[in-house]
Amino acid sequence: MIGSLYSIASKRRLLVLATISWSVLLGGSRYFLQAHYVSDVFAGFAYGYLFLVGWVNLYIVVTQRTIMTPFDKSTHT
């Protein structure tokens, strides 16, 4: 049980590290190849971060939502 949880956590950590590394290397290569300015690369990182935060918040709201019936006894006395 604990071994499988450790395995999942380490795989998740590796995936996050690989994704961040890929993004940084890709942004750096765009600047190095003079396809974009540094400000463009940082703006892309900021936009991507805000996009990610928005989707994570939406996921949290949707998964934690509870469905109430119109005549739920706990809300009406």
PDB file of N, CA and C in Angstrom:
ATOM      1  N   MET A   1       0.826  -1.196   0.000  1.00  0.00           N
ATOM      2  CA  MET A   1       0.000   0.000   0.000  1.00  0.00           C
ATOM      3  C   MET A   1       0.863   1.249   0.000  1.00  0.00           C
ATOM      4  N   ILE A   2       1.790   1.346   0.945  1.00  0.00           N
ATOM      5  CA  ILE A   2       2.638   2.532   1.029  1.00  0.00           C
ATOM      6  C   ILE A   2       3.576   2.593  -0.168  1.00  0.00           C
ATOM      7  N   GLY A   3       4.046   1.457  -0.618  1.00  0.00           N
ATOM      8  CA  GLY A   3       4.923   1.434  -1.790  1.00  0.00           C
ATOM      9  C   GLY A   3       4.238   1.946  -3.040  1.00  0.00           C
ATOM     10  N   SER A   4       2.961   1.600  -3.203  1.00  0.00           N
ATOM     11  CA  SER A   4       2.241   2.073  -4.387  1.00  0.00           C
ATOM     12  C   SER A   4       1.976   3.568  -4.304  1.00  0.00           C
ATOM     13  N   LEU A   5       1.706   4.087  -3.096  1.00  0.00           N
ATOM     14  CA  LEU A   5       1.518   5.528  -2.943  1.00  0.00           C
ATOM     15  C   LEU A   5       2.810   6.274  -3.230  1.00  0.00           C
ATOM     16  N   TYR A   6       3.934   5.724  -2.783  1.00  0.00           N
ATOM     17  CA  TYR A   6       5.225   6.349  -3.058  1.00  0.00           C
ATOM     18  C   TYR A   6       5.501   6.347  -4.546  1.00  0.00           C
ATOM     19  N   SER A   7       5.156   5.275  -5.203  1.00  0.00           N
ATOM     20  CA  SER A   7       5.380   5.168  -6.639  1.00  0.00           C
ATOM     21  C   SER A   7       4.551   6.198  -7.400  1.00  0.00           C
ATOM     22  N   ILE A   8       3.301   6.383  -7.002  1.00  0.00           N
ATOM     23  CA  ILE A   8       2.439   7.372  -7.654  1.00  0.00           C
ATOM     24  C   ILE A   8       2.972   8.776  -7.414  1.00  0.00           C
ATOM     25  N   ALA A   9       3.394   9.057  -6.178  1.00  0.00           N
ATOM     26  CA  ALA A   9       3.913  10.390  -5.859  1.00  0.00           C
ATOM     27  C   ALA A   9       5.196  10.668  -6.619  1.00  0.00           C
ATOM     28  N   SER A  10       6.069   9.684  -6.736  1.00  0.00           N
ATOM     29  CA  SER A  10       7.322   9.917  -7.448  1.00  0.00           C
ATOM     30  C   SER A  10       7.080  10.071  -8.947  1.00  0.00           C
ATOM     31  N   LYS A  11       6.125   9.346  -9.494  1.00  0.00           N
ATOM     32  CA  LYS A  11       5.795   9.506 -10.913  1.00  0.00           C
ATOM     33  C   LYS A  11       5.202  10.884 -11.173  1.00  0.00           C
ATOM     34  N   ARG A  12       4.355  11.345 -10.272  1.00  0.00           N
ATOM     35  CA  ARG A  12       3.753  12.675 -10.419  1.00  0.00           C
ATOM     36  C   ARG A  12       4.832  13.750 -10.339  1.00  0.00           C
ATOM     37  N   ARG A  13       5.758  13.599  -9.381  1.00  0.00           N
ATOM     38  CA  ARG A  13       6.854  14.557  -9.250  1.00  0.00           C
ATOM     39  C   ARG A  13       7.711  14.588 -10.502  1.00  0.00           C
ATOM     40  N   LEU A  14       7.994  13.427 -11.050  1.00  0.00           N
ATOM     41  CA  LEU A  14       8.793  13.335 -12.266  1.00  0.00           C
ATOM     42  C   LEU A  14       8.069  13.982 -13.444  1.00  0.00           C
ATOM     43  N   LEU A  15       6.775  13.778 -13.548  1.00  0.00           N
ATOM     44  CA  LEU A  15       5.992  14.384 -14.622  1.00  0.00           C
ATOM     45  C   LEU A  15       5.984  15.909 -14.514  1.00  0.00           C
ATOM     46  N   VAL A  16       5.813  16.432 -13.303  1.00  0.00           N
ATOM     47  CA  VAL A  16       5.828  17.885 -13.100  1.00  0.00           C
ATOM     48  C   VAL A  16       7.197  18.452 -13.440  1.00  0.00           C
ATOM     49  N   LEU A  17       8.255  17.798 -12.991  1.00  0.00           N
ATOM     50  CA  LEU A  17       9.614  18.258 -13.285  1.00  0.00           C
ATOM     51  C   LEU A  17       9.895  18.230 -14.782  1.00  0.00           C
ATOM     52  N   ALA A  18       9.473  17.189 -15.458  1.00  0.00           N
ATOM     53  CA  ALA A  18       9.690  17.084 -16.902  1.00  0.00           C
ATOM     54  C   ALA A  18       8.918  18.161 -17.655  1.00  0.00           C
ATOM     55  N   THR A  19       7.695  18.440 -17.230  1.00  0.00           N
ATOM     56  CA  THR A  19       6.879  19.456 -17.894  1.00  0.00           C
ATOM     57  C   THR A  19       7.468  20.845 -17.709  1.00  0.00           C
ATOM     58  N   ILE A  20       7.895  21.168 -16.500  1.00  0.00           N
ATOM     59  CA  ILE A  20       8.504  22.477 -16.248  1.00  0.00           C
ATOM     60  C   ILE A  20       9.812  22.609 -17.011  1.00  0.00           C
ATOM     61  N   SER A  21      10.629  21.565 -17.005  1.00  0.00           N
ATOM     62  CA  SER A  21      11.900  21.601 -17.737  1.00  0.00           C
ATOM     63  C   SER A  21      11.667  21.794 -19.226  1.00  0.00           C
ATOM     64  N   TRP A  22      10.706  21.083 -19.777  1.00  0.00           N
ATOM     65  CA  TRP A  22      10.392  21.214 -21.200  1.00  0.00           C
ATOM     66  C   TRP A  22       9.959  22.637 -21.530  1.00  0.00           C
ATOM     67  N   SER A  23       9.121  23.229 -20.674  1.00  0.00           N
ATOM     68  CA  SER A  23       8.644  24.592 -20.910  1.00  0.00           C
ATOM     69  C   SER A  23       9.783  25.603 -20.869  1.00  0.00           C
ATOM     70  N   VAL A  24      10.660  25.476 -19.889  1.00  0.00           N
ATOM     71  CA  VAL A  24      11.789  26.404 -19.771  1.00  0.00           C
ATOM     72  C   VAL A  24      12.736  26.250 -20.950  1.00  0.00           C
ATOM     73  N   LEU A  25      13.034  25.022 -21.336  1.00  0.00           N
ATOM     74  CA  LEU A  25      13.923  24.806 -22.482  1.00  0.00           C
ATOM     75  C   LEU A  25      13.298  25.310 -23.777  1.00  0.00           C
ATOM     76  N   LEU A  26      12.028  25.110 -23.942  1.00  0.00           N
ATOM     77  CA  LEU A  26      11.350  25.588 -25.143  1.00  0.00           C
ATOM     78  C   LEU A  26      11.345  27.112 -25.198  1.00  0.00           C
ATOM     79  N   GLY A  27      11.037  27.758 -24.080  1.00  0.00           N
ATOM     80  CA  GLY A  27      11.063  29.220 -24.034  1.00  0.00           C
ATOM     81  C   GLY A  27      12.456  29.768 -24.280  1.00  0.00           C
ATOM     82  N   GLY A  28      13.456  29.125 -23.694  1.00  0.00           N
ATOM     83  CA  GLY A  28      14.840  29.552 -23.917  1.00  0.00           C
ATOM     84  C   GLY A  28      15.265  29.392 -25.360  1.00  0.00           C
ATOM     85  N   SER A  29      14.832  28.327 -25.986  1.00  0.00           N
ATOM     86  CA  SER A  29      15.200  28.114 -27.388  1.00  0.00           C
ATOM     87  C   SER A  29      14.531  29.138 -28.295  1.00  0.00           C
ATOM     88  N   ARG A  30      13.313  29.545 -27.962  1.00  0.00           N
ATOM     89  CA  ARG A  30      12.631  30.571 -28.768  1.00  0.00           C
ATOM     90  C   ARG A  30      13.389  31.891 -28.704  1.00  0.00           C
ATOM     91  N   TYR A  31      13.933  32.219 -27.525  1.00  0.00           N
ATOM     92  CA  TYR A  31      14.736  33.437 -27.401  1.00  0.00           C
ATOM     93  C   TYR A  31      16.081  33.263 -28.098  1.00  0.00           C
ATOM     94  N   PHE A  32      16.717  32.124 -27.911  1.00  0.00           N
ATOM     95  CA  PHE A  32      18.037  31.872 -28.497  1.00  0.00           C
ATOM     96  C   PHE A  32      17.985  31.906 -30.022  1.00  0.00           C
ATOM     97  N   LEU A  33      16.926  31.384 -30.597  1.00  0.00           N
ATOM     98  CA  LEU A  33      16.775  31.389 -32.053  1.00  0.00           C
ATOM     99  C   LEU A  33      16.254  32.730 -32.574  1.00  0.00           C
ATOM    100  N   GLN A  34      16.083  33.683 -31.682  1.00  0.00           N
ATOM    101  CA  GLN A  34      15.609  35.035 -31.987  1.00  0.00           C
ATOM    102  C   GLN A  34      14.238  35.030 -32.666  1.00  0.00           C
ATOM    103  N   ALA A  35      13.427  34.080 -32.279  1.00  0.00           N
ATOM    104  CA  ALA A  35      12.051  34.042 -32.771  1.00  0.00           C
ATOM    105  C   ALA A  35      11.150  34.933 -31.920  1.00  0.00           C
ATOM    106  N   HIS A  36      11.555  35.168 -30.644  1.00  0.00           N
ATOM    107  CA  HIS A  36      10.781  36.010 -29.729  1.00  0.00           C
ATOM    108  C   HIS A  36      11.731  36.804 -28.853  1.00  0.00           C
ATOM    109  N   TYR A  37      11.202  37.898 -28.299  1.00  0.00           N
ATOM    110  CA  TYR A  37      11.940  38.656 -27.295  1.00  0.00           C
ATOM    111  C   TYR A  37      11.772  37.966 -25.948  1.00  0.00           C
ATOM    112  N   VAL A  38      12.635  38.334 -24.990  1.00  0.00           N
ATOM    113  CA  VAL A  38      12.533  37.758 -23.650  1.00  0.00           C
ATOM    114  C   VAL A  38      11.174  38.098 -23.038  1.00  0.00           C
ATOM    115  N   SER A  39      10.697  39.307 -23.273  1.00  0.00           N
ATOM    116  CA  SER A  39       9.395  39.699 -22.719  1.00  0.00           C
ATOM    117  C   SER A  39       8.272  38.821 -23.268  1.00  0.00           C
ATOM    118  N   ASP A  40       8.381  38.415 -24.533  1.00  0.00           N
ATOM    119  CA  ASP A  40       7.377  37.519 -25.115  1.00  0.00           C
ATOM    120  C   ASP A  40       7.388  36.160 -24.420  1.00  0.00           C
ATOM    121  N   VAL A  41       8.584  35.674 -24.142  1.00  0.00           N
ATOM    122  CA  VAL A  41       8.715  34.367 -23.483  1.00  0.00           C
ATOM    123  C   VAL A  41       8.133  34.427 -22.071  1.00  0.00           C
ATOM    124  N   PHE A  42       8.474  35.488 -21.321  1.00  0.00           N
ATOM    125  CA  PHE A  42       7.936  35.622 -19.966  1.00  0.00           C
ATOM    126  C   PHE A  42       6.423  35.831 -19.978  1.00  0.00           C
ATOM    127  N   ALA A  43       5.929  36.565 -20.960  1.00  0.00           N
ATOM    128  CA  ALA A  43       4.479  36.743 -21.078  1.00  0.00           C
ATOM    129  C   ALA A  43       3.802  35.405 -21.367  1.00  0.00           C
ATOM    130  N   GLY A  44       4.428  34.574 -22.181  1.00  0.00           N
ATOM    131  CA  GLY A  44       3.889  33.245 -22.454  1.00  0.00           C
ATOM    132  C   GLY A  44       3.870  32.375 -21.210  1.00  0.00           C
ATOM    133  N   PHE A  45       4.944  32.454 -20.411  1.00  0.00           N
ATOM    134  CA  PHE A  45       4.972  31.710 -19.151  1.00  0.00           C
ATOM    135  C   PHE A  45       3.865  32.193 -18.214  1.00  0.00           C
ATOM    136  N   ALA A  46       3.693  33.511 -18.120  1.00  0.00           N
ATOM    137  CA  ALA A  46       2.662  34.072 -17.238  1.00  0.00           C
ATOM    138  C   ALA A  46       1.269  33.662 -17.708  1.00  0.00           C
ATOM    139  N   TYR A  47       1.038  33.735 -19.000  1.00  0.00           N
ATOM    140  CA  TYR A  47      -0.263  33.341 -19.543  1.00  0.00           C
ATOM    141  C   TYR A  47      -0.526  31.852 -19.281  1.00  0.00           C
ATOM    142  N   GLY A  48       0.473  31.031 -19.502  1.00  0.00           N
ATOM    143  CA  GLY A  48       0.321  29.601 -19.251  1.00  0.00           C
ATOM    144  C   GLY A  48       0.056  29.296 -17.791  1.00  0.00           C
ATOM    145  N   TYR A  49       0.737  30.021 -16.898  1.00  0.00           N
ATOM    146  CA  TYR A  49       0.535  29.830 -15.468  1.00  0.00           C
ATOM    147  C   TYR A  49      -0.891  30.211 -15.074  1.00  0.00           C
ATOM    148  N   LEU A  50      -1.361  31.366 -15.561  1.00  0.00           N
ATOM    149  CA  LEU A  50      -2.725  31.791 -15.245  1.00  0.00           C
ATOM    150  C   LEU A  50      -3.759  30.824 -15.813  1.00  0.00           C
ATOM    151  N   PHE A  51      -3.510  30.309 -16.991  1.00  0.00           N
ATOM    152  CA  PHE A  51      -4.395  29.327 -17.602  1.00  0.00           C
ATOM    153  C   PHE A  51      -4.455  28.060 -16.743  1.00  0.00           C
ATOM    154  N   LEU A  52      -3.299  27.601 -16.283  1.00  0.00           N
ATOM    155  CA  LEU A  52      -3.239  26.412 -15.430  1.00  0.00           C
ATOM    156  C   LEU A  52      -3.973  26.639 -14.116  1.00  0.00           C
ATOM    157  N   VAL A  53      -3.751  27.780 -13.482  1.00  0.00           N
ATOM    158  CA  VAL A  53      -4.420  28.086 -12.216  1.00  0.00           C
ATOM    159  C   VAL A  53      -5.933  28.132 -12.406  1.00  0.00           C
ATOM    160  N   GLY A  54      -6.379  28.709 -13.504  1.00  0.00           N
ATOM    161  CA  GLY A  54      -7.814  28.754 -13.780  1.00  0.00           C
ATOM    162  C   GLY A  54      -8.417  27.374 -13.930  1.00  0.00           C
ATOM    163  N   TRP A  55      -7.759  26.497 -14.672  1.00  0.00           N
ATOM    164  CA  TRP A  55      -8.282  25.144 -14.859  1.00  0.00           C
ATOM    165  C   TRP A  55      -8.249  24.334 -13.569  1.00  0.00           C
ATOM    166  N   VAL A  56      -7.206  24.514 -12.762  1.00  0.00           N
ATOM    167  CA  VAL A  56      -7.136  23.790 -11.488  1.00  0.00           C
ATOM    168  C   VAL A  56      -8.258  24.255 -10.567  1.00  0.00           C
ATOM    169  N   ASN A  57      -8.495  25.566 -10.506  1.00  0.00           N
ATOM    170  CA  ASN A  57      -9.589  26.077  -9.674  1.00  0.00           C
ATOM    171  C   ASN A  57     -10.943  25.589 -10.171  1.00  0.00           C
ATOM    172  N   LEU A  58     -11.137  25.564 -11.466  1.00  0.00           N
ATOM    173  CA  LEU A  58     -12.390  25.047 -12.020  1.00  0.00           C
ATOM    174  C   LEU A  58     -12.568  23.571 -11.662  1.00  0.00           C
ATOM    175  N   TYR A  59     -11.502  22.795 -11.750  1.00  0.00           N
ATOM    176  CA  TYR A  59     -11.559  21.378 -11.391  1.00  0.00           C
ATOM    177  C   TYR A  59     -11.940  21.208  -9.920  1.00  0.00           C
ATOM    178  N   ILE A  60     -11.351  22.025  -9.062  1.00  0.00           N
ATOM    179  CA  ILE A  60     -11.653  21.931  -7.634  1.00  0.00           C
ATOM    180  C   ILE A  60     -13.117  22.268  -7.372  1.00  0.00           C
ATOM    181  N   VAL A  61     -13.611  23.316  -7.993  1.00  0.00           N
ATOM    182  CA  VAL A  61     -15.011  23.717  -7.795  1.00  0.00           C
ATOM    183  C   VAL A  61     -15.960  22.632  -8.284  1.00  0.00           C
ATOM    184  N   VAL A  62     -15.700  22.076  -9.446  1.00  0.00           N
ATOM    185  CA  VAL A  62     -16.598  21.074 -10.022  1.00  0.00           C
ATOM    186  C   VAL A  62     -16.574  19.781  -9.218  1.00  0.00           C
ATOM    187  N   THR A  63     -15.409  19.352  -8.758  1.00  0.00           N
ATOM    188  CA  THR A  63     -15.335  18.085  -8.031  1.00  0.00           C
ATOM    189  C   THR A  63     -15.846  18.195  -6.605  1.00  0.00           C
ATOM    190  N   GLN A  64     -15.866  19.385  -6.029  1.00  0.00           N
ATOM    191  CA  GLN A  64     -16.335  19.531  -4.652  1.00  0.00           C
ATOM    192  C   GLN A  64     -17.789  19.972  -4.570  1.00  0.00           C
ATOM    193  N   ARG A  65     -18.418  20.174  -5.696  1.00  0.00           N
ATOM    194  CA  ARG A  65     -19.813  20.618  -5.706  1.00  0.00           C
ATOM    195  C   ARG A  65     -20.717  19.474  -5.254  1.00  0.00           C
ATOM    196  N   THR A  66     -21.670  19.800  -4.406  1.00  0.00           N
ATOM    197  CA  THR A  66     -22.649  18.801  -3.980  1.00  0.00           C
ATOM    198  C   THR A  66     -23.993  19.162  -4.590  1.00  0.00           C
ATOM    199  N   ILE A  67     -24.739  18.164  -4.920  1.00  0.00           N
ATOM    200  CA  ILE A  67     -26.044  18.370  -5.531  1.00  0.00           C
ATOM    201  C   ILE A  67     -27.097  18.358  -4.435  1.00  0.00           C
ATOM    202  N   MET A  68     -27.892  19.421  -4.380  1.00  0.00           N
ATOM    203  CA  MET A  68     -28.968  19.505  -3.391  1.00  0.00           C
ATOM    204  C   MET A  68     -30.300  19.342  -4.100  1.00  0.00           C
ATOM    205  N   THR A  69     -31.181  18.593  -3.481  1.00  0.00           N
ATOM    206  CA  THR A  69     -32.534  18.475  -4.016  1.00  0.00           C
ATOM    207  C   THR A  69     -33.320  19.717  -3.593  1.00  0.00           C
ATOM    208  N   PRO A  70     -34.400  20.044  -4.296  1.00  0.00           N
ATOM    209  CA  PRO A  70     -35.158  21.256  -3.949  1.00  0.00           C
ATOM    210  C   PRO A  70     -35.710  21.253  -2.524  1.00  0.00           C
ATOM    211  N   PHE A  71     -36.017  20.083  -1.983  1.00  0.00           N
ATOM    212  CA  PHE A  71     -36.594  20.004  -0.648  1.00  0.00           C
ATOM    213  C   PHE A  71     -35.670  19.238   0.287  1.00  0.00           C
ATOM    214  N   ASP A  72     -34.425  19.638   0.328  1.00  0.00           N
ATOM    215  CA  ASP A  72     -33.450  18.995   1.203  1.00  0.00           C
ATOM    216  C   ASP A  72     -33.785  19.339   2.659  1.00  0.00           C
ATOM    217  N   LYS A  73     -33.942  18.325   3.498  1.00  0.00           N
ATOM    218  CA  LYS A  73     -34.344  18.520   4.889  1.00  0.00           C
ATOM    219  C   LYS A  73     -33.303  19.299   5.689  1.00  0.00           C
ATOM    220  N   SER A  74     -32.022  19.200   5.326  1.00  0.00           N
ATOM    221  CA  SER A  74     -30.987  19.863   6.112  1.00  0.00           C
ATOM    222  C   SER A  74     -30.979  21.372   5.901  1.00  0.00           C
ATOM    223  N   THR A  75     -31.533  21.869   4.797  1.00  0.00           N
ATOM    224  CA  THR A  75     -31.525  23.310   4.545  1.00  0.00           C
ATOM    225  C   THR A  75     -32.843  23.978   4.897  1.00  0.00           C
ATOM    226  N   HIS A  76     -33.929  23.215   4.979  1.00  0.00           N
ATOM    227  CA  HIS A  76     -35.240  23.777   5.300  1.00  0.00           C
ATOM    228  C   HIS A  76     -35.708  23.239   6.642  1.00  0.00           C
ATOM    229  N   THR A  77     -36.125  24.149   7.507  1.00  0.00           N
ATOM    230  CA  THR A  77     -36.605  23.695   8.817  1.00  0.00           C
ATOM    231  C   THR A  77     -38.082  23.873   8.966  1.00  0.00           C
TER     232      THR A  77
END
